[in-house]
Amino acid sequence: MGRLQAHLRNKMVAGLLAAIPVAVTIFIVWYVDSKARDLLHVRTPFVGIAIALGFIYVLGIFVTSVVGQFMLHVFDGVIRRVPGLRDLYRSWKQVALADTQVGIFAHFVPTTRCIRLEMSPQDALKLLISGGNYVPGSVGKGTIGRYPMPGQW
C-alpha cells in the first residue's frame, strides 16, 4: 500500500505542476480576450488577442524610443520608492531582465564552494518551481569533469 500511495502522490504532484502553467496561460488568454472584446464591443472570439498583440507591439515601439526610455526611467524611480511594491518589482525585474549567473553551493568540510552552472535565471526558476520535474538541457554542461563527485573529495 505504501508504494501505491507514493506512486499516486508523485503522479498527482507531477500532474499538478504540469497543469498550473497551462491553466494560468488559458486564464490569461481568456481574460485578455474577453476584456479587449468588452472594451471594443466586439463579439468575434480571439479578436481581443489580436488587439492585445498589436498593443504590445506598439508599446514595444514606444518603449524603445527616447521618450519611452525616459518614461520607463521615471516609472522605475517611482516604483522603487513605494514600500512593498519596491521589493516585488525588483525581484521580478531581476528574474525577467537580469543577465546573472546561476550557481549551486556544494558544502565541504572545512570550506564551501560555489559551482557556476551554465543555466539562465529563468531556467533555474523553472527548475525550482517545478520541484525538479523540469530539467533544462543545460544542466551538467560546464561542470562535467571539473568538480569531484560526492565521496571523491
N, C-alpha and C. Protein backbone atom coordinates (compact mmCIF):
# COMPACT_ATOMS: atom_id res chain seq x y z
N MET A 1 0.82 -1.19 0.00
CA MET A 1 0.00 0.00 0.00
C MET A 1 0.86 1.26 0.00
N GLY A 2 2.04 1.22 0.63
CA GLY A 2 2.93 2.38 0.70
C GLY A 2 3.46 2.76 -0.67
N ARG A 3 3.81 1.77 -1.51
CA ARG A 3 4.33 2.08 -2.85
C ARG A 3 3.24 2.67 -3.72
N LEU A 4 2.02 2.17 -3.59
CA LEU A 4 0.90 2.69 -4.37
C LEU A 4 0.60 4.14 -3.98
N GLN A 5 0.61 4.40 -2.68
CA GLN A 5 0.37 5.78 -2.23
C GLN A 5 1.46 6.72 -2.71
N ALA A 6 2.72 6.29 -2.64
CA ALA A 6 3.83 7.12 -3.11
C ALA A 6 3.72 7.36 -4.61
N HIS A 7 3.35 6.31 -5.36
CA HIS A 7 3.19 6.45 -6.80
C HIS A 7 2.08 7.45 -7.13
N LEU A 8 0.92 7.29 -6.47
CA LEU A 8 -0.20 8.20 -6.70
C LEU A 8 0.14 9.64 -6.33
N ARG A 9 0.81 9.81 -5.18
CA ARG A 9 1.20 11.14 -4.74
C ARG A 9 2.15 11.79 -5.74
N ASN A 10 3.17 11.05 -6.17
CA ASN A 10 4.16 11.60 -7.11
C ASN A 10 3.52 11.97 -8.44
N LYS A 11 2.63 11.12 -8.93
CA LYS A 11 1.98 11.41 -10.22
C LYS A 11 1.00 12.58 -10.10
N MET A 12 0.32 12.69 -8.97
CA MET A 12 -0.60 13.81 -8.76
C MET A 12 0.18 15.13 -8.68
N VAL A 13 1.30 15.14 -7.98
CA VAL A 13 2.11 16.35 -7.88
C VAL A 13 2.67 16.71 -9.25
N ALA A 14 3.16 15.73 -10.00
CA ALA A 14 3.69 16.00 -11.35
C ALA A 14 2.58 16.54 -12.26
N GLY A 15 1.40 15.96 -12.19
CA GLY A 15 0.28 16.44 -12.99
C GLY A 15 -0.13 17.85 -12.60
N LEU A 16 -0.14 18.13 -11.31
CA LEU A 16 -0.50 19.46 -10.83
C LEU A 16 0.52 20.49 -11.30
N LEU A 17 1.80 20.16 -11.20
CA LEU A 17 2.83 21.08 -11.64
C LEU A 17 2.80 21.30 -13.15
N ALA A 18 2.33 20.31 -13.90
CA ALA A 18 2.18 20.47 -15.35
C ALA A 18 0.92 21.26 -15.67
N ALA A 19 -0.13 21.11 -14.87
CA ALA A 19 -1.42 21.76 -15.15
C ALA A 19 -1.42 23.24 -14.79
N ILE A 20 -0.66 23.63 -13.80
CA ILE A 20 -0.68 25.02 -13.34
C ILE A 20 -0.28 26.00 -14.45
N PRO A 21 0.86 25.81 -15.14
CA PRO A 21 1.20 26.77 -16.21
C PRO A 21 0.18 26.76 -17.35
N VAL A 22 -0.36 25.59 -17.67
CA VAL A 22 -1.37 25.51 -18.73
C VAL A 22 -2.63 26.27 -18.32
N ALA A 23 -3.08 26.05 -17.09
CA ALA A 23 -4.29 26.73 -16.60
C ALA A 23 -4.09 28.24 -16.52
N VAL A 24 -2.93 28.67 -16.05
CA VAL A 24 -2.66 30.10 -15.96
C VAL A 24 -2.63 30.73 -17.35
N THR A 25 -2.00 30.04 -18.30
CA THR A 25 -1.95 30.56 -19.68
C THR A 25 -3.34 30.66 -20.28
N ILE A 26 -4.15 29.63 -20.10
CA ILE A 26 -5.52 29.66 -20.63
C ILE A 26 -6.31 30.78 -19.98
N PHE A 27 -6.17 30.94 -18.66
CA PHE A 27 -6.88 32.01 -17.97
C PHE A 27 -6.46 33.39 -18.49
N ILE A 28 -5.16 33.60 -18.66
CA ILE A 28 -4.68 34.90 -19.14
C ILE A 28 -5.19 35.18 -20.55
N VAL A 29 -5.14 34.17 -21.44
CA VAL A 29 -5.64 34.35 -22.80
C VAL A 29 -7.13 34.67 -22.78
N TRP A 30 -7.91 33.93 -21.99
CA TRP A 30 -9.34 34.18 -21.88
C TRP A 30 -9.61 35.58 -21.32
N TYR A 31 -8.90 35.96 -20.27
CA TYR A 31 -9.12 37.24 -19.62
C TYR A 31 -8.79 38.40 -20.57
N VAL A 32 -7.63 38.32 -21.21
CA VAL A 32 -7.23 39.39 -22.14
C VAL A 32 -8.22 39.48 -23.29
N ASP A 33 -8.62 38.32 -23.85
CA ASP A 33 -9.55 38.32 -24.96
C ASP A 33 -10.90 38.92 -24.55
N SER A 34 -11.43 38.49 -23.42
CA SER A 34 -12.75 38.97 -23.01
C SER A 34 -12.74 40.46 -22.66
N LYS A 35 -11.69 40.93 -21.98
CA LYS A 35 -11.63 42.35 -21.62
C LYS A 35 -11.45 43.22 -22.85
N ALA A 36 -10.62 42.81 -23.79
CA ALA A 36 -10.42 43.61 -25.01
C ALA A 36 -11.69 43.63 -25.85
N ARG A 37 -12.39 42.50 -25.95
CA ARG A 37 -13.65 42.48 -26.72
C ARG A 37 -14.73 43.31 -26.04
N ASP A 38 -14.79 43.27 -24.70
CA ASP A 38 -15.77 44.10 -23.98
C ASP A 38 -15.47 45.58 -24.16
N LEU A 39 -14.20 45.93 -24.14
CA LEU A 39 -13.81 47.32 -24.29
C LEU A 39 -14.20 47.88 -25.66
N LEU A 40 -14.07 47.04 -26.69
CA LEU A 40 -14.37 47.49 -28.06
C LEU A 40 -15.74 47.06 -28.54
N HIS A 41 -16.50 46.38 -27.69
CA HIS A 41 -17.85 45.90 -28.03
C HIS A 41 -17.83 45.01 -29.28
N VAL A 42 -16.92 44.03 -29.28
CA VAL A 42 -16.78 43.09 -30.39
C VAL A 42 -17.18 41.71 -29.89
N ARG A 43 -17.87 40.93 -30.69
CA ARG A 43 -18.33 39.61 -30.28
C ARG A 43 -17.49 38.47 -30.87
N THR A 44 -16.65 38.74 -31.84
CA THR A 44 -15.86 37.71 -32.51
C THR A 44 -14.78 37.18 -31.57
N PRO A 45 -14.72 35.86 -31.37
CA PRO A 45 -13.70 35.29 -30.47
C PRO A 45 -12.28 35.53 -30.97
N PHE A 46 -11.39 35.71 -30.06
CA PHE A 46 -9.94 35.86 -30.27
C PHE A 46 -9.55 37.16 -30.95
N VAL A 47 -10.49 38.04 -31.23
CA VAL A 47 -10.14 39.36 -31.74
C VAL A 47 -9.39 40.12 -30.65
N GLY A 48 -9.77 39.88 -29.42
CA GLY A 48 -9.10 40.53 -28.29
C GLY A 48 -7.63 40.17 -28.21
N ILE A 49 -7.30 38.93 -28.55
CA ILE A 49 -5.89 38.51 -28.53
C ILE A 49 -5.12 39.28 -29.59
N ALA A 50 -5.69 39.39 -30.80
CA ALA A 50 -5.02 40.14 -31.87
C ALA A 50 -4.83 41.60 -31.46
N ILE A 51 -5.84 42.16 -30.81
CA ILE A 51 -5.74 43.55 -30.36
C ILE A 51 -4.65 43.67 -29.28
N ALA A 52 -4.61 42.72 -28.35
CA ALA A 52 -3.60 42.75 -27.30
C ALA A 52 -2.20 42.62 -27.88
N LEU A 53 -2.02 41.74 -28.87
CA LEU A 53 -0.70 41.60 -29.50
C LEU A 53 -0.31 42.88 -30.23
N GLY A 54 -1.27 43.50 -30.89
CA GLY A 54 -0.99 44.78 -31.55
C GLY A 54 -0.60 45.84 -30.55
N PHE A 55 -1.30 45.87 -29.40
CA PHE A 55 -0.97 46.83 -28.35
C PHE A 55 0.44 46.59 -27.81
N ILE A 56 0.80 45.33 -27.61
CA ILE A 56 2.14 45.00 -27.11
C ILE A 56 3.20 45.44 -28.12
N TYR A 57 2.93 45.27 -29.41
CA TYR A 57 3.87 45.70 -30.45
C TYR A 57 4.04 47.22 -30.41
N VAL A 58 2.92 47.95 -30.35
CA VAL A 58 3.00 49.42 -30.29
C VAL A 58 3.71 49.86 -29.02
N LEU A 59 3.45 49.19 -27.91
CA LEU A 59 4.15 49.51 -26.66
C LEU A 59 5.65 49.27 -26.80
N GLY A 60 6.02 48.19 -27.48
CA GLY A 60 7.44 47.92 -27.73
C GLY A 60 8.10 49.01 -28.55
N ILE A 61 7.38 49.51 -29.55
CA ILE A 61 7.91 50.62 -30.35
C ILE A 61 8.09 51.85 -29.47
N PHE A 62 7.10 52.11 -28.60
CA PHE A 62 7.17 53.29 -27.73
C PHE A 62 8.32 53.21 -26.75
N VAL A 63 8.47 52.06 -26.06
CA VAL A 63 9.49 51.98 -25.01
C VAL A 63 10.90 51.93 -25.56
N THR A 64 11.06 51.65 -26.85
CA THR A 64 12.41 51.68 -27.42
C THR A 64 12.76 53.06 -27.96
N SER A 65 11.82 54.00 -27.90
CA SER A 65 12.09 55.38 -28.33
C SER A 65 12.73 56.14 -27.17
N VAL A 66 13.24 57.32 -27.46
CA VAL A 66 13.87 58.16 -26.43
C VAL A 66 12.86 58.56 -25.37
N VAL A 67 11.67 58.96 -25.80
CA VAL A 67 10.62 59.36 -24.85
C VAL A 67 10.21 58.16 -24.00
N GLY A 68 10.07 57.01 -24.62
CA GLY A 68 9.70 55.80 -23.89
C GLY A 68 10.75 55.40 -22.86
N GLN A 69 12.02 55.52 -23.22
CA GLN A 69 13.10 55.21 -22.27
C GLN A 69 13.05 56.14 -21.08
N PHE A 70 12.79 57.42 -21.33
CA PHE A 70 12.66 58.39 -20.24
C PHE A 70 11.48 58.04 -19.33
N MET A 71 10.33 57.69 -19.95
CA MET A 71 9.14 57.34 -19.17
C MET A 71 9.39 56.09 -18.34
N LEU A 72 10.07 55.10 -18.90
CA LEU A 72 10.40 53.88 -18.14
C LEU A 72 11.31 54.22 -16.96
N HIS A 73 12.26 55.11 -17.18
CA HIS A 73 13.16 55.52 -16.10
C HIS A 73 12.39 56.21 -14.98
N VAL A 74 11.45 57.07 -15.34
CA VAL A 74 10.63 57.76 -14.34
C VAL A 74 9.75 56.75 -13.59
N PHE A 75 9.11 55.84 -14.33
CA PHE A 75 8.26 54.81 -13.72
C PHE A 75 9.08 53.94 -12.77
N ASP A 76 10.28 53.56 -13.20
CA ASP A 76 11.17 52.74 -12.38
C ASP A 76 11.51 53.46 -11.08
N GLY A 77 11.80 54.75 -11.16
CA GLY A 77 12.12 55.54 -9.98
C GLY A 77 10.96 55.65 -9.01
N VAL A 78 9.74 55.81 -9.55
CA VAL A 78 8.55 55.92 -8.69
C VAL A 78 8.29 54.59 -7.98
N ILE A 79 8.32 53.48 -8.73
CA ILE A 79 8.04 52.16 -8.13
C ILE A 79 9.07 51.81 -7.06
N ARG A 80 10.31 52.22 -7.25
CA ARG A 80 11.36 51.91 -6.26
C ARG A 80 11.15 52.65 -4.94
N ARG A 81 10.27 53.64 -4.92
CA ARG A 81 10.01 54.39 -3.70
C ARG A 81 8.75 53.92 -2.97
N VAL A 82 8.01 53.00 -3.53
CA VAL A 82 6.77 52.52 -2.92
C VAL A 82 7.09 51.27 -2.09
N PRO A 83 6.94 51.36 -0.76
CA PRO A 83 7.23 50.20 0.08
C PRO A 83 6.31 49.03 -0.29
N GLY A 84 6.81 47.85 -0.30
CA GLY A 84 6.02 46.68 -0.66
C GLY A 84 6.12 46.38 -2.15
N LEU A 85 5.78 47.35 -2.98
CA LEU A 85 5.91 47.17 -4.42
C LEU A 85 7.38 47.15 -4.85
N ARG A 86 8.20 47.90 -4.12
CA ARG A 86 9.61 48.00 -4.45
C ARG A 86 10.27 46.63 -4.51
N ASP A 87 10.07 45.82 -3.46
CA ASP A 87 10.71 44.51 -3.41
C ASP A 87 10.16 43.56 -4.45
N LEU A 88 8.84 43.58 -4.63
CA LEU A 88 8.22 42.72 -5.63
C LEU A 88 8.69 43.09 -7.04
N TYR A 89 8.70 44.39 -7.35
CA TYR A 89 9.12 44.87 -8.67
C TYR A 89 10.58 44.51 -8.93
N ARG A 90 11.42 44.72 -7.93
CA ARG A 90 12.85 44.44 -8.09
C ARG A 90 13.09 42.94 -8.32
N SER A 91 12.38 42.10 -7.58
CA SER A 91 12.55 40.65 -7.73
C SER A 91 12.14 40.18 -9.13
N TRP A 92 10.97 40.61 -9.60
CA TRP A 92 10.52 40.19 -10.93
C TRP A 92 11.40 40.77 -12.02
N LYS A 93 11.88 41.97 -11.82
CA LYS A 93 12.75 42.58 -12.81
C LYS A 93 14.08 41.82 -12.90
N GLN A 94 14.61 41.39 -11.77
CA GLN A 94 15.86 40.64 -11.77
C GLN A 94 15.69 39.30 -12.47
N VAL A 95 14.56 38.62 -12.22
CA VAL A 95 14.34 37.32 -12.85
C VAL A 95 14.12 37.48 -14.35
N ALA A 96 13.36 38.50 -14.73
CA ALA A 96 12.99 38.65 -16.14
C ALA A 96 14.08 39.28 -16.99
N LEU A 97 14.83 40.24 -16.46
CA LEU A 97 15.72 41.02 -17.30
C LEU A 97 17.20 40.87 -17.00
N ALA A 98 17.54 40.44 -15.82
CA ALA A 98 18.94 40.45 -15.42
C ALA A 98 19.73 39.36 -16.13
N ASP A 99 20.96 39.69 -16.45
CA ASP A 99 21.88 38.72 -17.02
C ASP A 99 22.80 38.25 -15.89
N THR A 100 22.27 37.38 -15.04
CA THR A 100 23.00 36.94 -13.87
C THR A 100 23.48 35.51 -14.05
N GLN A 101 24.32 35.10 -13.15
CA GLN A 101 24.85 33.74 -13.17
C GLN A 101 24.07 32.89 -12.18
N VAL A 102 23.95 31.61 -12.49
CA VAL A 102 23.28 30.66 -11.61
C VAL A 102 24.35 29.74 -11.05
N GLY A 103 24.28 29.49 -9.78
CA GLY A 103 25.26 28.62 -9.15
C GLY A 103 24.62 27.72 -8.13
N ILE A 104 25.37 26.72 -7.75
CA ILE A 104 24.93 25.79 -6.71
C ILE A 104 26.04 25.70 -5.68
N PHE A 105 25.67 25.66 -4.43
CA PHE A 105 26.66 25.60 -3.38
C PHE A 105 26.87 24.15 -2.96
N ALA A 106 28.13 23.74 -3.01
CA ALA A 106 28.50 22.39 -2.56
C ALA A 106 29.18 22.54 -1.20
N HIS A 107 28.67 21.86 -0.21
CA HIS A 107 29.20 22.01 1.15
C HIS A 107 30.34 21.02 1.35
N PHE A 108 31.46 21.56 1.71
CA PHE A 108 32.64 20.74 2.05
C PHE A 108 33.04 21.08 3.46
N VAL A 109 33.75 20.20 4.07
CA VAL A 109 34.33 20.49 5.38
C VAL A 109 35.81 20.67 5.13
N PRO A 110 36.39 21.78 5.37
CA PRO A 110 36.01 22.95 6.13
C PRO A 110 35.57 24.14 5.27
N THR A 111 35.38 23.97 3.94
CA THR A 111 35.05 25.12 3.09
C THR A 111 33.73 24.88 2.36
N THR A 112 33.24 25.92 1.74
CA THR A 112 32.06 25.84 0.88
C THR A 112 32.47 26.35 -0.49
N ARG A 113 32.06 25.65 -1.52
CA ARG A 113 32.41 26.03 -2.88
C ARG A 113 31.13 26.34 -3.67
N CYS A 114 31.18 27.38 -4.48
CA CYS A 114 30.06 27.71 -5.37
C CYS A 114 30.42 27.24 -6.77
N ILE A 115 29.59 26.40 -7.33
CA ILE A 115 29.80 25.88 -8.68
C ILE A 115 28.89 26.66 -9.61
N ARG A 116 29.47 27.35 -10.59
CA ARG A 116 28.68 28.12 -11.56
C ARG A 116 28.08 27.17 -12.58
N LEU A 117 26.77 27.32 -12.80
CA LEU A 117 26.06 26.49 -13.76
C LEU A 117 25.82 27.25 -15.04
N GLU A 118 25.86 26.56 -16.15
CA GLU A 118 25.56 27.16 -17.45
C GLU A 118 24.04 27.11 -17.66
N MET A 119 23.32 27.97 -16.93
CA MET A 119 21.87 27.95 -16.94
C MET A 119 21.37 29.38 -16.78
N SER A 120 20.31 29.71 -17.47
CA SER A 120 19.74 31.05 -17.33
C SER A 120 18.96 31.14 -16.02
N PRO A 121 18.80 32.35 -15.48
CA PRO A 121 18.00 32.50 -14.27
C PRO A 121 16.56 32.01 -14.46
N GLN A 122 16.01 32.18 -15.67
CA GLN A 122 14.65 31.72 -15.94
C GLN A 122 14.57 30.20 -15.83
N ASP A 123 15.57 29.49 -16.39
CA ASP A 123 15.58 28.03 -16.29
C ASP A 123 15.77 27.57 -14.85
N ALA A 124 16.59 28.29 -14.09
CA ALA A 124 16.79 27.94 -12.69
C ALA A 124 15.49 28.11 -11.90
N LEU A 125 14.76 29.18 -12.18
CA LEU A 125 13.48 29.41 -11.50
C LEU A 125 12.48 28.32 -11.88
N LYS A 126 12.44 27.93 -13.16
CA LYS A 126 11.54 26.86 -13.59
C LYS A 126 11.90 25.56 -12.89
N LEU A 127 13.20 25.28 -12.77
CA LEU A 127 13.65 24.06 -12.10
C LEU A 127 13.22 24.04 -10.64
N LEU A 128 13.35 25.18 -9.96
CA LEU A 128 12.96 25.25 -8.54
C LEU A 128 11.46 25.14 -8.36
N ILE A 129 10.69 25.88 -9.19
CA ILE A 129 9.24 25.87 -9.04
C ILE A 129 8.66 24.50 -9.36
N SER A 130 9.23 23.81 -10.35
CA SER A 130 8.70 22.51 -10.75
C SER A 130 9.11 21.40 -9.80
N GLY A 131 9.97 21.69 -8.85
CA GLY A 131 10.41 20.67 -7.92
C GLY A 131 11.27 19.59 -8.59
N GLY A 132 11.93 19.95 -9.67
CA GLY A 132 12.80 19.01 -10.37
C GLY A 132 12.12 18.29 -11.52
N ASN A 133 10.82 18.54 -11.75
CA ASN A 133 10.14 17.91 -12.88
C ASN A 133 10.58 18.51 -14.21
N TYR A 134 10.96 19.78 -14.22
CA TYR A 134 11.51 20.41 -15.41
C TYR A 134 13.01 20.51 -15.22
N VAL A 135 13.76 19.84 -16.08
CA VAL A 135 15.21 19.91 -16.01
C VAL A 135 15.73 20.42 -17.35
N PRO A 136 16.31 21.63 -17.38
CA PRO A 136 16.79 22.18 -18.63
C PRO A 136 17.93 21.34 -19.20
N GLY A 137 18.08 21.39 -20.50
CA GLY A 137 19.14 20.62 -21.16
C GLY A 137 20.53 21.08 -20.77
N SER A 138 20.64 22.29 -20.24
CA SER A 138 21.95 22.82 -19.89
C SER A 138 22.48 22.28 -18.56
N VAL A 139 21.67 21.55 -17.82
CA VAL A 139 22.11 21.02 -16.54
C VAL A 139 23.26 20.05 -16.77
N GLY A 140 24.35 20.29 -16.12
CA GLY A 140 25.53 19.44 -16.25
C GLY A 140 26.56 19.98 -17.21
N LYS A 141 26.16 20.85 -18.14
CA LYS A 141 27.13 21.42 -19.08
C LYS A 141 28.10 22.31 -18.33
N GLY A 142 29.35 22.16 -18.61
CA GLY A 142 30.36 23.01 -17.99
C GLY A 142 30.82 22.53 -16.64
N THR A 143 30.15 21.55 -16.06
CA THR A 143 30.57 21.07 -14.74
C THR A 143 31.09 19.64 -14.80
N ILE A 144 30.85 18.94 -15.90
CA ILE A 144 31.26 17.54 -16.01
C ILE A 144 32.78 17.47 -16.04
N GLY A 145 33.34 16.73 -15.10
CA GLY A 145 34.77 16.54 -15.02
C GLY A 145 35.52 17.66 -14.32
N ARG A 146 34.88 18.77 -14.05
CA ARG A 146 35.56 19.89 -13.41
C ARG A 146 35.52 19.80 -11.89
N TYR A 147 34.52 19.13 -11.36
CA TYR A 147 34.34 19.10 -9.93
C TYR A 147 34.22 17.65 -9.47
N PRO A 148 34.77 17.33 -8.30
CA PRO A 148 34.68 15.94 -7.83
C PRO A 148 33.26 15.56 -7.47
N MET A 149 32.95 14.30 -7.69
CA MET A 149 31.64 13.77 -7.31
C MET A 149 31.63 13.57 -5.80
N PRO A 150 30.44 13.51 -5.17
CA PRO A 150 30.38 13.28 -3.73
C PRO A 150 31.15 12.00 -3.36
N GLY A 151 31.92 12.10 -2.33
CA GLY A 151 32.71 10.97 -1.86
C GLY A 151 34.09 10.93 -2.47
N GLN A 152 34.39 11.79 -3.48
CA GLN A 152 35.71 11.80 -4.11
C GLN A 152 36.61 12.92 -3.61
N TRP A 153 36.13 13.71 -2.67
CA TRP A 153 36.97 14.79 -2.17
C TRP A 153 37.69 14.27 -1.02
